[in-house]
């Protein structure tokens, strides 16, 4: 077979492949569609459960936390899912109130696991009165990544 006939054969094969509807297996297309839907569901689930997808992907974790104000002097951190967090050792808790940031990590450190919660007292002189707002941030100190961030509004 000469080079001209080889080129004609390859051209004909490519032409047949690109115009043949059965060239791509329908199972491959279905599998790719299911993979895309699964990834979208995973990211959407993270957002609906209170986390940020971008923050979760950057930190490498899908840990779900919730922070609530118990009273004007105390907060409650509840672990709702994901990896345990070592608060006070690998992760630090910060409270920003009236443009001042306070570290309120537990001392001694506490490992917070799923379905557990911890009560944290606010620093001396800090009180969340009715209508006050504060921002709670939990950071993974080793990776320098934010695990959780929420603006709190006091009803007390």
C-alpha atoms as a PDB file:
ATOM      1  CA  UNK A   1       0.000   0.000   0.000  1.00  0.00           C
ATOM      2  CA  UNK A   2       1.495   3.320  -1.057  1.00  0.00           C
ATOM      3  CA  UNK A   3       1.551   6.462   1.011  1.00  0.00           C
ATOM      4  CA  UNK A   4      -1.290   8.025  -1.027  1.00  0.00           C
ATOM      5  CA  UNK A   5      -3.578   5.046  -0.529  1.00  0.00           C
ATOM      6  CA  UNK A   6      -2.649   4.886   3.184  1.00  0.00           C
ATOM      7  CA  UNK A   7      -3.587   8.555   3.578  1.00  0.00           C
ATOM      8  CA  UNK A   8      -6.892   7.951   1.751  1.00  0.00           C
ATOM      9  CA  UNK A   9      -7.614   4.972   4.021  1.00  0.00           C
ATOM     10  CA  UNK A  10      -6.882   6.996   7.213  1.00  0.00           C
ATOM     11  CA  UNK A  11      -8.940   9.905   5.894  1.00  0.00           C
ATOM     12  CA  UNK A  12     -11.867   7.596   5.116  1.00  0.00           C
ATOM     13  CA  UNK A  13     -11.596   5.967   8.581  1.00  0.00           C
ATOM     14  CA  UNK A  14     -11.552   9.325  10.354  1.00  0.00           C
ATOM     15  CA  UNK A  15     -14.450  10.553   8.269  1.00  0.00           C
ATOM     16  CA  UNK A  16     -16.441   7.420   9.124  1.00  0.00           C
ATOM     17  CA  UNK A  17     -15.575   7.770  12.834  1.00  0.00           C
ATOM     18  CA  UNK A  18     -16.621  11.404  13.108  1.00  0.00           C
ATOM     19  CA  UNK A  19     -19.875  10.868  11.207  1.00  0.00           C
ATOM     20  CA  UNK A  20     -20.831   7.514  12.717  1.00  0.00           C
ATOM     21  CA  UNK A  21     -23.292   7.931  15.619  1.00  0.00           C
ATOM     22  CA  UNK A  22     -22.227   4.611  17.120  1.00  0.00           C
ATOM     23  CA  UNK A  23     -18.557   5.632  17.372  1.00  0.00           C
ATOM     24  CA  UNK A  24     -18.950   6.710  21.015  1.00  0.00           C
ATOM     25  CA  UNK A  25     -20.456   4.123  23.287  1.00  0.00           C
ATOM     26  CA  UNK A  26     -23.617   5.399  24.965  1.00  0.00           C
ATOM     27  CA  UNK A  27     -22.520   3.777  28.241  1.00  0.00           C
ATOM     28  CA  UNK A  28     -19.429   6.019  28.326  1.00  0.00           C
ATOM     29  CA  UNK A  29     -21.599   9.105  27.853  1.00  0.00           C
ATOM     30  CA  UNK A  30     -24.003   7.925  30.588  1.00  0.00           C
ATOM     31  CA  UNK A  31     -21.116   7.218  32.987  1.00  0.00           C
ATOM     32  CA  UNK A  32     -19.631  10.685  32.433  1.00  0.00           C
ATOM     33  CA  UNK A  33     -23.029  12.305  32.967  1.00  0.00           C
ATOM     34  CA  UNK A  34     -23.493  10.390  36.237  1.00  0.00           C
ATOM     35  CA  UNK A  35     -20.019  11.431  37.409  1.00  0.00           C
ATOM     36  CA  UNK A  36     -20.805  15.093  36.731  1.00  0.00           C
ATOM     37  CA  UNK A  37     -24.140  14.877  38.540  1.00  0.00           C
ATOM     38  CA  UNK A  38     -22.439  13.181  41.513  1.00  0.00           C
ATOM     39  CA  UNK A  39     -19.812  15.909  41.812  1.00  0.00           C
ATOM     40  CA  UNK A  40     -22.447  18.630  41.611  1.00  0.00           C
ATOM     41  CA  UNK A  41     -24.518  16.872  44.287  1.00  0.00           C
ATOM     42  CA  UNK A  42     -21.481  16.604  46.579  1.00  0.00           C
ATOM     43  CA  UNK A  43     -20.649  20.287  46.260  1.00  0.00           C
ATOM     44  CA  UNK A  44     -24.305  21.309  46.566  1.00  0.00           C
ATOM     45  CA  UNK A  45     -24.696  19.187  49.686  1.00  0.00           C
ATOM     46  CA  UNK A  46     -21.744  20.927  51.313  1.00  0.00           C
ATOM     47  CA  UNK A  47     -23.309  24.314  50.637  1.00  0.00           C
ATOM     48  CA  UNK A  48     -26.763  23.268  51.878  1.00  0.00           C
ATOM     49  CA  UNK A  49     -25.328  21.855  55.105  1.00  0.00           C
ATOM     50  CA  UNK A  50     -23.891  25.237  55.983  1.00  0.00           C
ATOM     51  CA  UNK A  51     -20.385  24.984  54.608  1.00  0.00           C
ATOM     52  CA  UNK A  52     -18.795  26.770  51.724  1.00  0.00           C
ATOM     53  CA  UNK A  53     -17.760  24.508  48.862  1.00  0.00           C
ATOM     54  CA  UNK A  54     -14.822  26.716  48.007  1.00  0.00           C
ATOM     55  CA  UNK A  55     -13.673  26.773  51.631  1.00  0.00           C
ATOM     56  CA  UNK A  56     -14.151  23.008  51.976  1.00  0.00           C
ATOM     57  CA  UNK A  57     -12.202  22.241  48.819  1.00  0.00           C
ATOM     58  CA  UNK A  58      -9.338  24.573  49.775  1.00  0.00           C
ATOM     59  CA  UNK A  59      -9.039  23.174  53.293  1.00  0.00           C
ATOM     60  CA  UNK A  60      -9.296  19.573  52.108  1.00  0.00           C
ATOM     61  CA  UNK A  61     -12.099  18.763  54.527  1.00  0.00           C
ATOM     62  CA  UNK A  62     -15.872  18.717  54.570  1.00  0.00           C
ATOM     63  CA  UNK A  63     -16.193  19.158  58.330  1.00  0.00           C
ATOM     64  CA  UNK A  64     -19.575  20.575  59.317  1.00  0.00           C
ATOM     65  CA  UNK A  65     -19.755  22.794  62.399  1.00  0.00           C
ATOM     66  CA  UNK A  66     -22.377  25.053  63.906  1.00  0.00           C
ATOM     67  CA  UNK A  67     -21.767  27.839  66.407  1.00  0.00           C
ATOM     68  CA  UNK A  68     -24.563  29.337  68.476  1.00  0.00           C
ATOM     69  CA  UNK A  69     -24.682  32.014  71.162  1.00  0.00           C
ATOM     70  CA  UNK A  70     -25.797  30.397  74.435  1.00  0.00           C
ATOM     71  CA  UNK A  71     -25.959  33.646  76.415  1.00  0.00           C
ATOM     72  CA  UNK A  72     -24.159  36.996  76.475  1.00  0.00           C
ATOM     73  CA  UNK A  73     -20.930  35.356  77.761  1.00  0.00           C
ATOM     74  CA  UNK A  74     -20.861  31.868  76.157  1.00  0.00           C
ATOM     75  CA  UNK A  75     -20.808  30.184  72.756  1.00  0.00           C
ATOM     76  CA  UNK A  76     -21.518  26.585  71.800  1.00  0.00           C
ATOM     77  CA  UNK A  77     -19.639  24.817  68.989  1.00  0.00           C
ATOM     78  CA  UNK A  78     -21.344  21.665  67.692  1.00  0.00           C
ATOM     79  CA  UNK A  79     -19.633  19.149  65.389  1.00  0.00           C
ATOM     80  CA  UNK A  80     -22.221  17.940  62.853  1.00  0.00           C
ATOM     81  CA  UNK A  81     -20.081  15.798  60.552  1.00  0.00           C
ATOM     82  CA  UNK A  82     -16.664  15.095  59.095  1.00  0.00           C
ATOM     83  CA  UNK A  83     -13.237  14.662  60.626  1.00  0.00           C
ATOM     84  CA  UNK A  84     -12.563  15.307  64.323  1.00  0.00           C
ATOM     85  CA  UNK A  85     -11.062  18.733  65.077  1.00  0.00           C
ATOM     86  CA  UNK A  86      -8.372  19.316  67.665  1.00  0.00           C
ATOM     87  CA  UNK A  87      -9.431  22.718  69.020  1.00  0.00           C
ATOM     88  CA  UNK A  88      -6.655  24.584  70.755  1.00  0.00           C
ATOM     89  CA  UNK A  89      -3.838  22.545  69.208  1.00  0.00           C
ATOM     90  CA  UNK A  90      -4.265  22.158  65.436  1.00  0.00           C
ATOM     91  CA  UNK A  91      -7.231  24.519  65.101  1.00  0.00           C
ATOM     92  CA  UNK A  92      -7.809  27.853  66.808  1.00  0.00           C
ATOM     93  CA  UNK A  93     -11.079  29.638  67.514  1.00  0.00           C
ATOM     94  CA  UNK A  94     -11.292  33.401  67.028  1.00  0.00           C
ATOM     95  CA  UNK A  95     -14.035  35.876  67.893  1.00  0.00           C
ATOM     96  CA  UNK A  96     -14.138  39.291  66.244  1.00  0.00           C
ATOM     97  CA  UNK A  97     -16.264  41.786  68.167  1.00  0.00           C
ATOM     98  CA  UNK A  98     -16.219  45.602  67.858  1.00  0.00           C
ATOM     99  CA  UNK A  99     -13.291  45.371  65.374  1.00  0.00           C
ATOM    100  CA  UNK A 100     -11.116  43.491  67.902  1.00  0.00           C
ATOM    101  CA  UNK A 101     -10.136  39.848  67.379  1.00  0.00           C
ATOM    102  CA  UNK A 102      -9.840  37.554  70.401  1.00  0.00           C
ATOM    103  CA  UNK A 103      -8.563  33.986  70.453  1.00  0.00           C
ATOM    104  CA  UNK A 104     -11.019  31.906  72.479  1.00  0.00           C
ATOM    105  CA  UNK A 105      -9.588  28.417  71.878  1.00  0.00           C
ATOM    106  CA  UNK A 106     -10.087  25.948  74.715  1.00  0.00           C
ATOM    107  CA  UNK A 107      -7.214  25.445  77.161  1.00  0.00           C
ATOM    108  CA  UNK A 108      -6.344  22.588  77.508  1.00  0.00           C
ATOM    109  CA  UNK A 109      -6.956  21.529  73.860  1.00  0.00           C
ATOM    110  CA  UNK A 110     -10.071  19.452  73.119  1.00  0.00           C
ATOM    111  CA  UNK A 111     -10.708  16.958  70.308  1.00  0.00           C
ATOM    112  CA  UNK A 112     -14.209  17.697  69.037  1.00  0.00           C
ATOM    113  CA  UNK A 113     -15.807  14.704  67.320  1.00  0.00           C
ATOM    114  CA  UNK A 114     -19.068  14.249  65.417  1.00  0.00           C
ATOM    115  CA  UNK A 115     -22.237  14.733  67.523  1.00  0.00           C
ATOM    116  CA  UNK A 116     -20.259  16.415  70.323  1.00  0.00           C
ATOM    117  CA  UNK A 117     -20.241  20.042  71.335  1.00  0.00           C
ATOM    118  CA  UNK A 118     -18.144  22.351  73.470  1.00  0.00           C
ATOM    119  CA  UNK A 119     -19.069  25.457  75.437  1.00  0.00           C
ATOM    120  CA  UNK A 120     -16.593  28.330  75.138  1.00  0.00           C
ATOM    121  CA  UNK A 121     -16.591  31.365  77.407  1.00  0.00           C
ATOM    122  CA  UNK A 122     -15.975  34.779  75.921  1.00  0.00           C
ATOM    123  CA  UNK A 123     -12.918  36.699  77.146  1.00  0.00           C
ATOM    124  CA  UNK A 124     -13.192  38.896  80.250  1.00  0.00           C
ATOM    125  CA  UNK A 125     -14.843  42.195  79.415  1.00  0.00           C
ATOM    126  CA  UNK A 126     -16.489  40.892  76.226  1.00  0.00           C
ATOM    127  CA  UNK A 127     -20.256  40.550  76.265  1.00  0.00           C
ATOM    128  CA  UNK A 128     -22.664  39.999  73.378  1.00  0.00           C
ATOM    129  CA  UNK A 129     -25.651  42.201  74.161  1.00  0.00           C
ATOM    130  CA  UNK A 130     -28.931  42.181  72.244  1.00  0.00           C
ATOM    131  CA  UNK A 131     -28.366  43.317  68.672  1.00  0.00           C
ATOM    132  CA  UNK A 132     -24.569  42.894  68.850  1.00  0.00           C
ATOM    133  CA  UNK A 133     -22.868  41.023  66.065  1.00  0.00           C
ATOM    134  CA  UNK A 134     -19.651  39.064  66.112  1.00  0.00           C
ATOM    135  CA  UNK A 135     -17.744  36.891  63.683  1.00  0.00           C
ATOM    136  CA  UNK A 136     -16.548  33.461  64.744  1.00  0.00           C
ATOM    137  CA  UNK A 137     -13.684  31.917  62.765  1.00  0.00           C
ATOM    138  CA  UNK A 138     -12.073  28.517  63.226  1.00  0.00           C
ATOM    139  CA  UNK A 139      -8.717  28.146  61.480  1.00  0.00           C
ATOM    140  CA  UNK A 140      -6.524  25.131  60.809  1.00  0.00           C
ATOM    141  CA  UNK A 141      -3.257  26.666  61.992  1.00  0.00           C
ATOM    142  CA  UNK A 142      -0.982  24.091  60.353  1.00  0.00           C
ATOM    143  CA  UNK A 143      -2.509  24.590  56.885  1.00  0.00           C
ATOM    144  CA  UNK A 144      -3.360  28.255  57.535  1.00  0.00           C
ATOM    145  CA  UNK A 145      -6.888  27.588  56.222  1.00  0.00           C
ATOM    146  CA  UNK A 146     -10.289  28.674  57.487  1.00  0.00           C
ATOM    147  CA  UNK A 147     -12.419  25.686  58.516  1.00  0.00           C
ATOM    148  CA  UNK A 148     -15.477  27.654  59.607  1.00  0.00           C
ATOM    149  CA  UNK A 149     -16.639  31.274  59.561  1.00  0.00           C
ATOM    150  CA  UNK A 150     -19.991  32.673  60.614  1.00  0.00           C
ATOM    151  CA  UNK A 151     -21.457  36.018  61.594  1.00  0.00           C
ATOM    152  CA  UNK A 152     -23.416  35.739  64.825  1.00  0.00           C
ATOM    153  CA  UNK A 153     -26.218  38.071  65.910  1.00  0.00           C
ATOM    154  CA  UNK A 154     -27.019  38.218  69.618  1.00  0.00           C
ATOM    155  CA  UNK A 155     -30.563  37.984  70.933  1.00  0.00           C
ATOM    156  CA  UNK A 156     -29.463  38.413  74.571  1.00  0.00           C
END
